[in-house]
C-alpha cells in the first residue's frame, strides 16, 4: 500500500477492539478479577481471580458470536438502557 488507492477496503472493518493481544471484553473480565483482589486487599487473590475470570469468560464465549458477552449482559442483567427495545424478559414478539 505504497500509493493511494481510492478503492481500497480494509479487510477487518468490524474487528473488535484489542488491548495488546486480547479482545477488550477479555481484558474487562480480567480487570473485574483484579477488582476482587483490590476489594479483599490481596494482590495474589486478585491475580488468581483475574485468571479465573478471563478463563471462564473465554470458555463462555468459545464457538459463539464475537459479541456474545454483550448478549449475555443484555439477557441476564435487569437494566433498561434502551427506550425502543423491549425488556429482556420478553422472549416472544407478536407483530
PDB file of N, CA and C in Angstrom:
ATOM      1  N   UNK A   1       0.826  -1.165   0.000  1.00  0.00           N
ATOM      2  CA  UNK A   1       0.000   0.000   0.000  1.00  0.00           C
ATOM      3  C   UNK A   1       0.882   1.244   0.000  1.00  0.00           C
ATOM      4  N   UNK A   2       1.789   1.324  -0.944  1.00  0.00           N
ATOM      5  CA  UNK A   2       2.706   2.453  -1.001  1.00  0.00           C
ATOM      6  C   UNK A   2       2.084   3.673  -1.683  1.00  0.00           C
ATOM      7  N   UNK A   3       1.058   3.486  -2.473  1.00  0.00           N
ATOM      8  CA  UNK A   3       0.431   4.627  -3.136  1.00  0.00           C
ATOM      9  C   UNK A   3      -1.064   4.657  -2.809  1.00  0.00           C
ATOM     10  N   UNK A   4      -1.668   5.775  -3.055  1.00  0.00           N
ATOM     11  CA  UNK A   4      -3.077   5.971  -2.726  1.00  0.00           C
ATOM     12  C   UNK A   4      -3.958   5.174  -3.680  1.00  0.00           C
ATOM     13  N   UNK A   5      -4.872   4.417  -3.107  1.00  0.00           N
ATOM     14  CA  UNK A   5      -5.814   3.623  -3.897  1.00  0.00           C
ATOM     15  C   UNK A   5      -7.222   3.967  -3.420  1.00  0.00           C
ATOM     16  N   UNK A   6      -8.024   4.675  -4.202  1.00  0.00           N
ATOM     17  CA  UNK A   6      -9.348   5.096  -3.732  1.00  0.00           C
ATOM     18  C   UNK A   6     -10.327   3.944  -3.560  1.00  0.00           C
ATOM     19  N   UNK A   7     -10.039   2.780  -4.114  1.00  0.00           N
ATOM     20  CA  UNK A   7     -10.967   1.654  -3.984  1.00  0.00           C
ATOM     21  C   UNK A   7     -10.539   0.661  -2.910  1.00  0.00           C
ATOM     22  N   UNK A   8      -9.579   1.026  -2.072  1.00  0.00           N
ATOM     23  CA  UNK A   8      -9.109   0.121  -1.025  1.00  0.00           C
ATOM     24  C   UNK A   8     -10.166  -0.030   0.068  1.00  0.00           C
ATOM     25  N   UNK A   9     -10.455  -1.268   0.433  1.00  0.00           N
ATOM     26  CA  UNK A   9     -11.391  -1.567   1.511  1.00  0.00           C
ATOM     27  C   UNK A   9     -10.639  -2.389   2.557  1.00  0.00           C
ATOM     28  N   UNK A  10     -10.651  -1.964   3.818  1.00  0.00           N
ATOM     29  CA  UNK A  10      -9.950  -2.736   4.841  1.00  0.00           C
ATOM     30  C   UNK A  10     -10.552  -4.132   4.995  1.00  0.00           C
ATOM     31  N   UNK A  11      -9.726  -5.112   5.298  1.00  0.00           N
ATOM     32  CA  UNK A  11     -10.200  -6.490   5.425  1.00  0.00           C
ATOM     33  C   UNK A  11     -10.943  -6.724   6.735  1.00  0.00           C
ATOM     34  N   UNK A  12     -10.521  -6.072   7.787  1.00  0.00           N
ATOM     35  CA  UNK A  12     -11.134  -6.278   9.096  1.00  0.00           C
ATOM     36  C   UNK A  12     -11.838  -5.002   9.532  1.00  0.00           C
ATOM     37  N   UNK A  13     -12.937  -4.712   8.900  1.00  0.00           N
ATOM     38  CA  UNK A  13     -13.656  -3.478   9.170  1.00  0.00           C
ATOM     39  C   UNK A  13     -14.364  -3.512  10.526  1.00  0.00           C
ATOM     40  N   UNK A  14     -14.925  -4.653  10.880  1.00  0.00           N
ATOM     41  CA  UNK A  14     -15.662  -4.776  12.130  1.00  0.00           C
ATOM     42  C   UNK A  14     -14.888  -5.558  13.177  1.00  0.00           C
ATOM     43  N   UNK A  15     -13.582  -5.484  13.162  1.00  0.00           N
ATOM     44  CA  UNK A  15     -12.768  -6.214  14.131  1.00  0.00           C
ATOM     45  C   UNK A  15     -12.998  -5.635  15.526  1.00  0.00           C
ATOM     46  N   UNK A  16     -13.080  -6.490  16.542  1.00  0.00           N
ATOM     47  CA  UNK A  16     -13.288  -5.988  17.900  1.00  0.00           C
ATOM     48  C   UNK A  16     -12.063  -5.225  18.400  1.00  0.00           C
ATOM     49  N   UNK A  17     -12.282  -4.352  19.355  1.00  0.00           N
ATOM     50  CA  UNK A  17     -11.185  -3.568  19.923  1.00  0.00           C
ATOM     51  C   UNK A  17     -10.218  -4.493  20.652  1.00  0.00           C
ATOM     52  N   UNK A  18      -8.936  -4.215  20.513  1.00  0.00           N
ATOM     53  CA  UNK A  18      -7.901  -5.051  21.121  1.00  0.00           C
ATOM     54  C   UNK A  18      -7.118  -4.245  22.145  1.00  0.00           C
ATOM     55  N   UNK A  19      -6.636  -4.944  23.169  1.00  0.00           N
ATOM     56  CA  UNK A  19      -5.677  -4.401  24.120  1.00  0.00           C
ATOM     57  C   UNK A  19      -4.510  -5.367  24.136  1.00  0.00           C
ATOM     58  N   UNK A  20      -3.410  -4.982  23.522  1.00  0.00           N
ATOM     59  CA  UNK A  20      -2.244  -5.842  23.308  1.00  0.00           C
ATOM     60  C   UNK A  20      -2.663  -7.086  22.530  1.00  0.00           C
ATOM     61  N   UNK A  21      -2.746  -8.257  23.160  1.00  0.00           N
ATOM     62  CA  UNK A  21      -3.077  -9.493  22.446  1.00  0.00           C
ATOM     63  C   UNK A  21      -4.529  -9.925  22.608  1.00  0.00           C
ATOM     64  N   UNK A  22      -5.235  -9.337  23.558  1.00  0.00           N
ATOM     65  CA  UNK A  22      -6.559  -9.814  23.925  1.00  0.00           C
ATOM     66  C   UNK A  22      -7.646  -8.860  23.449  1.00  0.00           C
ATOM     67  N   UNK A  23      -8.853  -9.413  23.288  1.00  0.00           N
ATOM     68  CA  UNK A  23     -10.011  -8.573  22.997  1.00  0.00           C
ATOM     69  C   UNK A  23     -10.328  -7.728  24.226  1.00  0.00           C
ATOM     70  N   UNK A  24     -10.992  -6.616  23.989  1.00  0.00           N
ATOM     71  CA  UNK A  24     -11.276  -5.695  25.086  1.00  0.00           C
ATOM     72  C   UNK A  24     -12.178  -6.320  26.144  1.00  0.00           C
ATOM     73  N   UNK A  25     -13.133  -7.155  25.732  1.00  0.00           N
ATOM     74  CA  UNK A  25     -14.035  -7.758  26.711  1.00  0.00           C
ATOM     75  C   UNK A  25     -13.309  -8.776  27.588  1.00  0.00           C
ATOM     76  N   UNK A  26     -12.289  -9.445  27.071  1.00  0.00           N
ATOM     77  CA  UNK A  26     -11.500 -10.361  27.891  1.00  0.00           C
ATOM     78  C   UNK A  26     -10.681  -9.588  28.922  1.00  0.00           C
ATOM     79  N   UNK A  27     -10.155  -8.443  28.524  1.00  0.00           N
ATOM     80  CA  UNK A  27      -9.405  -7.608  29.459  1.00  0.00           C
ATOM     81  C   UNK A  27     -10.340  -7.056  30.538  1.00  0.00           C
ATOM     82  N   UNK A  28     -11.573  -6.745  30.165  1.00  0.00           N
ATOM     83  CA  UNK A  28     -12.541  -6.264  31.154  1.00  0.00           C
ATOM     84  C   UNK A  28     -12.853  -7.352  32.181  1.00  0.00           C
ATOM     85  N   UNK A  29     -12.936  -8.609  31.742  1.00  0.00           N
ATOM     86  CA  UNK A  29     -13.160  -9.712  32.678  1.00  0.00           C
ATOM     87  C   UNK A  29     -11.976  -9.859  33.627  1.00  0.00           C
ATOM     88  N   UNK A  30     -10.762  -9.723  33.106  1.00  0.00           N
ATOM     89  CA  UNK A  30      -9.575  -9.796  33.961  1.00  0.00           C
ATOM     90  C   UNK A  30      -9.534  -8.621  34.934  1.00  0.00           C
ATOM     91  N   UNK A  31      -9.952  -7.446  34.488  1.00  0.00           N
ATOM     92  CA  UNK A  31      -9.985  -6.281  35.373  1.00  0.00           C
ATOM     93  C   UNK A  31     -10.996  -6.482  36.500  1.00  0.00           C
ATOM     94  N   UNK A  32     -12.083  -7.182  36.216  1.00  0.00           N
ATOM     95  CA  UNK A  32     -13.052  -7.495  37.274  1.00  0.00           C
ATOM     96  C   UNK A  32     -12.405  -8.386  38.328  1.00  0.00           C
ATOM     97  N   UNK A  33     -11.583  -9.327  37.891  1.00  0.00           N
ATOM     98  CA  UNK A  33     -10.856 -10.172  38.843  1.00  0.00           C
ATOM     99  C   UNK A  33      -9.888  -9.368  39.689  1.00  0.00           C
ATOM    100  N   UNK A  34      -9.172  -8.430  39.064  1.00  0.00           N
ATOM    101  CA  UNK A  34      -8.282  -7.566  39.837  1.00  0.00           C
ATOM    102  C   UNK A  34      -9.075  -6.693  40.799  1.00  0.00           C
ATOM    103  N   UNK A  35     -10.282  -6.307  40.397  1.00  0.00           N
ATOM    104  CA  UNK A  35     -11.146  -5.549  41.303  1.00  0.00           C
ATOM    105  C   UNK A  35     -11.491  -6.345  42.548  1.00  0.00           C
ATOM    106  N   UNK A  36     -11.717  -7.637  42.384  1.00  0.00           N
ATOM    107  CA  UNK A  36     -11.967  -8.507  43.543  1.00  0.00           C
ATOM    108  C   UNK A  36     -10.747  -8.515  44.452  1.00  0.00           C
ATOM    109  N   UNK A  37      -9.557  -8.587  43.860  1.00  0.00           N
ATOM    110  CA  UNK A  37      -8.330  -8.556  44.653  1.00  0.00           C
ATOM    111  C   UNK A  37      -8.148  -7.247  45.394  1.00  0.00           C
ATOM    112  N   UNK A  38      -8.530  -6.142  44.775  1.00  0.00           N
ATOM    113  CA  UNK A  38      -8.425  -4.849  45.443  1.00  0.00           C
ATOM    114  C   UNK A  38      -9.401  -4.775  46.611  1.00  0.00           C
ATOM    115  N   UNK A  39     -10.590  -5.332  46.423  1.00  0.00           N
ATOM    116  CA  UNK A  39     -11.591  -5.304  47.493  1.00  0.00           C
ATOM    117  C   UNK A  39     -11.120  -6.091  48.708  1.00  0.00           C
ATOM    118  N   UNK A  40     -10.509  -7.263  48.485  1.00  0.00           N
ATOM    119  CA  UNK A  40     -10.046  -8.082  49.614  1.00  0.00           C
ATOM    120  C   UNK A  40      -8.618  -7.738  50.026  1.00  0.00           C
ATOM    121  N   UNK A  41      -8.010  -6.744  49.365  1.00  0.00           N
ATOM    122  CA  UNK A  41      -6.683  -6.240  49.699  1.00  0.00           C
ATOM    123  C   UNK A  41      -5.604  -7.319  49.580  1.00  0.00           C
ATOM    124  N   UNK A  42      -5.633  -8.051  48.479  1.00  0.00           N
ATOM    125  CA  UNK A  42      -4.640  -9.094  48.252  1.00  0.00           C
ATOM    126  C   UNK A  42      -4.292  -9.144  46.770  1.00  0.00           C
ATOM    127  N   UNK A  43      -3.020  -8.948  46.472  1.00  0.00           N
ATOM    128  CA  UNK A  43      -2.569  -8.981  45.086  1.00  0.00           C
ATOM    129  C   UNK A  43      -2.639 -10.393  44.517  1.00  0.00           C
ATOM    130  N   UNK A  44      -2.296 -11.384  45.325  1.00  0.00           N
ATOM    131  CA  UNK A  44      -2.317 -12.774  44.859  1.00  0.00           C
ATOM    132  C   UNK A  44      -3.740 -13.227  44.538  1.00  0.00           C
ATOM    133  N   UNK A  45      -4.678 -12.923  45.410  1.00  0.00           N
ATOM    134  CA  UNK A  45      -6.074 -13.293  45.154  1.00  0.00           C
ATOM    135  C   UNK A  45      -6.593 -12.545  43.924  1.00  0.00           C
ATOM    136  N   UNK A  46      -6.197 -11.296  43.753  1.00  0.00           N
ATOM    137  CA  UNK A  46      -6.604 -10.538  42.573  1.00  0.00           C
ATOM    138  C   UNK A  46      -6.061 -11.133  41.294  1.00  0.00           C
ATOM    139  N   UNK A  47      -4.794 -11.563  41.314  1.00  0.00           N
ATOM    140  CA  UNK A  47      -4.202 -12.174  40.121  1.00  0.00           C
ATOM    141  C   UNK A  47      -4.884 -13.497  39.801  1.00  0.00           C
ATOM    142  N   UNK A  48      -5.123 -14.310  40.821  1.00  0.00           N
ATOM    143  CA  UNK A  48      -5.806 -15.590  40.597  1.00  0.00           C
ATOM    144  C   UNK A  48      -7.244 -15.378  40.125  1.00  0.00           C
ATOM    145  N   UNK A  49      -7.927 -14.417  40.727  1.00  0.00           N
ATOM    146  CA  UNK A  49      -9.309 -14.141  40.324  1.00  0.00           C
ATOM    147  C   UNK A  49      -9.364 -13.613  38.894  1.00  0.00           C
ATOM    148  N   UNK A  50      -8.383 -12.816  38.490  1.00  0.00           N
ATOM    149  CA  UNK A  50      -8.388 -12.308  37.116  1.00  0.00           C
ATOM    150  C   UNK A  50      -8.146 -13.429  36.112  1.00  0.00           C
ATOM    151  N   UNK A  51      -7.260 -14.364  36.444  1.00  0.00           N
ATOM    152  CA  UNK A  51      -7.023 -15.504  35.552  1.00  0.00           C
ATOM    153  C   UNK A  51      -8.277 -16.364  35.461  1.00  0.00           C
ATOM    154  N   UNK A  52      -8.932 -16.611  36.587  1.00  0.00           N
ATOM    155  CA  UNK A  52     -10.147 -17.428  36.596  1.00  0.00           C
ATOM    156  C   UNK A  52     -11.270 -16.724  35.836  1.00  0.00           C
ATOM    157  N   UNK A  53     -11.435 -15.421  36.043  1.00  0.00           N
ATOM    158  CA  UNK A  53     -12.487 -14.677  35.335  1.00  0.00           C
ATOM    159  C   UNK A  53     -12.251 -14.673  33.828  1.00  0.00           C
ATOM    160  N   UNK A  54     -11.001 -14.473  33.419  1.00  0.00           N
ATOM    161  CA  UNK A  54     -10.713 -14.465  31.987  1.00  0.00           C
ATOM    162  C   UNK A  54     -10.907 -15.858  31.393  1.00  0.00           C
ATOM    163  N   UNK A  55     -10.467 -16.889  32.098  1.00  0.00           N
ATOM    164  CA  UNK A  55     -10.635 -18.259  31.611  1.00  0.00           C
ATOM    165  C   UNK A  55     -12.118 -18.599  31.469  1.00  0.00           C
ATOM    166  N   UNK A  56     -12.919 -18.246  32.487  1.00  0.00           N
ATOM    167  CA  UNK A  56     -14.350 -18.544  32.444  1.00  0.00           C
ATOM    168  C   UNK A  56     -15.030 -17.773  31.311  1.00  0.00           C
ATOM    169  N   UNK A  57     -14.633 -16.528  31.098  1.00  0.00           N
ATOM    170  CA  UNK A  57     -15.245 -15.741  30.028  1.00  0.00           C
ATOM    171  C   UNK A  57     -14.877 -16.285  28.654  1.00  0.00           C
ATOM    172  N   UNK A  58     -13.638 -16.695  28.486  1.00  0.00           N
ATOM    173  CA  UNK A  58     -13.220 -17.267  27.203  1.00  0.00           C
ATOM    174  C   UNK A  58     -13.962 -18.571  26.945  1.00  0.00           C
ATOM    175  N   UNK A  59     -14.161 -19.385  27.985  1.00  0.00           N
ATOM    176  CA  UNK A  59     -14.922 -20.629  27.831  1.00  0.00           C
ATOM    177  C   UNK A  59     -16.386 -20.344  27.507  1.00  0.00           C
ATOM    178  N   UNK A  60     -16.956 -19.315  28.109  1.00  0.00           N
ATOM    179  CA  UNK A  60     -18.346 -18.942  27.834  1.00  0.00           C
ATOM    180  C   UNK A  60     -18.511 -18.499  26.386  1.00  0.00           C
ATOM    181  N   UNK A  61     -17.527 -17.787  25.866  1.00  0.00           N
ATOM    182  CA  UNK A  61     -17.615 -17.196  24.539  1.00  0.00           C
ATOM    183  C   UNK A  61     -17.126 -18.123  23.423  1.00  0.00           C
ATOM    184  N   UNK A  62     -16.540 -19.240  23.752  1.00  0.00           N
ATOM    185  CA  UNK A  62     -15.912 -20.113  22.750  1.00  0.00           C
ATOM    186  C   UNK A  62     -16.936 -20.655  21.759  1.00  0.00           C
ATOM    187  N   UNK A  63     -16.661 -20.493  20.476  1.00  0.00           N
ATOM    188  CA  UNK A  63     -17.509 -21.027  19.420  1.00  0.00           C
ATOM    189  C   UNK A  63     -18.795 -20.268  19.187  1.00  0.00           C
ATOM    190  N   UNK A  64     -18.917 -19.083  19.748  1.00  0.00           N
ATOM    191  CA  UNK A  64     -20.137 -18.296  19.592  1.00  0.00           C
ATOM    192  C   UNK A  64     -19.819 -16.986  18.889  1.00  0.00           C
ATOM    193  N   UNK A  65     -20.820 -16.147  18.786  1.00  0.00           N
ATOM    194  CA  UNK A  65     -20.684 -14.836  18.154  1.00  0.00           C
ATOM    195  C   UNK A  65     -19.624 -14.014  18.898  1.00  0.00           C
ATOM    196  N   UNK A  66     -18.838 -13.184  18.190  1.00  0.00           N
ATOM    197  CA  UNK A  66     -17.804 -12.395  18.869  1.00  0.00           C
ATOM    198  C   UNK A  66     -18.344 -11.453  19.946  1.00  0.00           C
ATOM    199  N   UNK A  67     -19.574 -11.033  19.831  1.00  0.00           N
ATOM    200  CA  UNK A  67     -20.172 -10.149  20.840  1.00  0.00           C
ATOM    201  C   UNK A  67     -21.121 -10.900  21.775  1.00  0.00           C
ATOM    202  N   UNK A  68     -20.869 -12.165  21.995  1.00  0.00           N
ATOM    203  CA  UNK A  68     -21.741 -12.973  22.839  1.00  0.00           C
ATOM    204  C   UNK A  68     -21.762 -12.466  24.281  1.00  0.00           C
ATOM    205  N   UNK A  69     -20.682 -11.902  24.743  1.00  0.00           N
ATOM    206  CA  UNK A  69     -20.648 -11.354  26.095  1.00  0.00           C
ATOM    207  C   UNK A  69     -21.658 -10.238  26.286  1.00  0.00           C
ATOM    208  N   UNK A  70     -21.782  -9.375  25.287  1.00  0.00           N
ATOM    209  CA  UNK A  70     -22.792  -8.314  25.367  1.00  0.00           C
ATOM    210  C   UNK A  70     -24.199  -8.886  25.324  1.00  0.00           C
ATOM    211  N   UNK A  71     -24.385  -9.943  24.553  1.00  0.00           N
ATOM    212  CA  UNK A  71     -25.694 -10.592  24.504  1.00  0.00           C
ATOM    213  C   UNK A  71     -26.047 -11.158  25.874  1.00  0.00           C
ATOM    214  N   UNK A  72     -25.093 -11.795  26.549  1.00  0.00           N
ATOM    215  CA  UNK A  72     -25.343 -12.336  27.892  1.00  0.00           C
ATOM    216  C   UNK A  72     -25.676 -11.225  28.880  1.00  0.00           C
ATOM    217  N   UNK A  73     -24.952 -10.110  28.794  1.00  0.00           N
ATOM    218  CA  UNK A  73     -25.261  -8.994  29.685  1.00  0.00           C
ATOM    219  C   UNK A  73     -26.671  -8.474  29.458  1.00  0.00           C
ATOM    220  N   UNK A  74     -27.098  -8.413  28.209  1.00  0.00           N
ATOM    221  CA  UNK A  74     -28.444  -7.931  27.922  1.00  0.00           C
ATOM    222  C   UNK A  74     -29.495  -8.868  28.494  1.00  0.00           C
ATOM    223  N   UNK A  75     -29.296 -10.181  28.327  1.00  0.00           N
ATOM    224  CA  UNK A  75     -30.323 -11.124  28.747  1.00  0.00           C
ATOM    225  C   UNK A  75     -30.351 -11.351  30.248  1.00  0.00           C
ATOM    226  N   UNK A  76     -29.227 -11.196  30.932  1.00  0.00           N
ATOM    227  CA  UNK A  76     -29.165 -11.593  32.338  1.00  0.00           C
ATOM    228  C   UNK A  76     -29.025 -10.440  33.325  1.00  0.00           C
ATOM    229  N   UNK A  77     -29.008  -9.212  32.877  1.00  0.00           N
ATOM    230  CA  UNK A  77     -28.982  -8.089  33.808  1.00  0.00           C
ATOM    231  C   UNK A  77     -30.316  -7.348  33.740  1.00  0.00           C
ATOM    232  N   UNK A  78     -30.736  -6.755  34.837  1.00  0.00           N
ATOM    233  CA  UNK A  78     -32.061  -6.129  34.880  1.00  0.00           C
ATOM    234  C   UNK A  78     -32.089  -4.683  34.384  1.00  0.00           C
ATOM    235  N   UNK A  79     -31.064  -4.220  33.705  1.00  0.00           N
ATOM    236  CA  UNK A  79     -31.011  -2.827  33.281  1.00  0.00           C
ATOM    237  C   UNK A  79     -31.900  -2.573  32.072  1.00  0.00           C
ATOM    238  N   UNK A  80     -32.531  -1.428  32.055  1.00  0.00           N
ATOM    239  CA  UNK A  80     -33.312  -0.996  30.896  1.00  0.00           C
ATOM    240  C   UNK A  80     -32.646   0.276  30.377  1.00  0.00           C
ATOM    241  N   UNK A  81     -31.707   0.095  29.462  1.00  0.00           N
ATOM    242  CA  UNK A  81     -30.938   1.239  28.987  1.00  0.00           C
ATOM    243  C   UNK A  81     -31.471   1.816  27.688  1.00  0.00           C
ATOM    244  N   UNK A  82     -32.203   1.026  26.922  1.00  0.00           N
ATOM    245  CA  UNK A  82     -32.680   1.492  25.631  1.00  0.00           C
ATOM    246  C   UNK A  82     -34.172   1.791  25.709  1.00  0.00           C
ATOM    247  N   UNK A  83     -34.596   2.845  25.065  1.00  0.00           N
ATOM    248  CA  UNK A  83     -36.001   3.227  25.110  1.00  0.00           C
ATOM    249  C   UNK A  83     -36.851   2.410  24.150  1.00  0.00           C
ATOM    250  N   UNK A  84     -36.298   2.030  23.005  1.00  0.00           N
ATOM    251  CA  UNK A  84     -37.099   1.379  21.971  1.00  0.00           C
ATOM    252  C   UNK A  84     -37.030  -0.139  22.007  1.00  0.00           C
ATOM    253  N   UNK A  85     -36.126  -0.716  22.747  1.00  0.00           N
ATOM    254  CA  UNK A  85     -36.046  -2.176  22.796  1.00  0.00           C
ATOM    255  C   UNK A  85     -36.935  -2.699  23.911  1.00  0.00           C
ATOM    256  N   UNK A  86     -37.536  -3.846  23.713  1.00  0.00           N
ATOM    257  CA  UNK A  86     -38.381  -4.422  24.758  1.00  0.00           C
ATOM    258  C   UNK A  86     -37.525  -4.955  25.901  1.00  0.00           C
ATOM    259  N   UNK A  87     -38.124  -5.206  27.055  1.00  0.00           N
ATOM    260  CA  UNK A  87     -37.358  -5.774  28.159  1.00  0.00           C
ATOM    261  C   UNK A  87     -36.826  -7.157  27.795  1.00  0.00           C
ATOM    262  N   UNK A  88     -35.706  -7.523  28.400  1.00  0.00           N
ATOM    263  CA  UNK A  88     -35.069  -8.787  28.035  1.00  0.00           C
ATOM    264  C   UNK A  88     -35.872  -9.997  28.491  1.00  0.00           C
ATOM    265  N   UNK A  89     -36.805  -9.814  29.416  1.00  0.00           N
ATOM    266  CA  UNK A  89     -37.623 -10.945  29.863  1.00  0.00           C
ATOM    267  C   UNK A  89     -38.685 -11.323  28.833  1.00  0.00           C
ATOM    268  N   UNK A  90     -38.953 -10.452  27.890  1.00  0.00           N
ATOM    269  CA  UNK A  90     -39.961 -10.715  26.860  1.00  0.00           C
ATOM    270  C   UNK A  90     -39.297 -11.442  25.695  1.00  0.00           C
ATOM    271  N   UNK A  91     -39.511 -12.742  25.604  1.00  0.00           N
ATOM    272  CA  UNK A  91     -38.792 -13.568  24.639  1.00  0.00           C
ATOM    273  C   UNK A  91     -39.514 -13.728  23.316  1.00  0.00           C
ATOM    274  N   UNK A  92     -40.830 -13.574  23.285  1.00  0.00           N
ATOM    275  CA  UNK A  92     -41.590 -13.761  22.049  1.00  0.00           C
ATOM    276  C   UNK A  92     -42.282 -12.461  21.678  1.00  0.00           C
ATOM    277  N   UNK A  93     -42.280 -12.170  20.396  1.00  0.00           N
ATOM    278  CA  UNK A  93     -42.859 -10.923  19.918  1.00  0.00           C
ATOM    279  C   UNK A  93     -43.965 -11.223  18.914  1.00  0.00           C
ATOM    280  N   UNK A  94     -45.011 -10.437  18.975  1.00  0.00           N
ATOM    281  CA  UNK A  94     -46.105 -10.567  18.014  1.00  0.00           C
ATOM    282  C   UNK A  94     -46.217  -9.239  17.282  1.00  0.00           C
ATOM    283  N   UNK A  95     -46.100  -9.296  15.954  1.00  0.00           N
ATOM    284  CA  UNK A  95     -46.261  -8.093  15.154  1.00  0.00           C
ATOM    285  C   UNK A  95     -45.069  -7.292  14.944  1.00  0.00           C
TER     286      UNK A  95
END
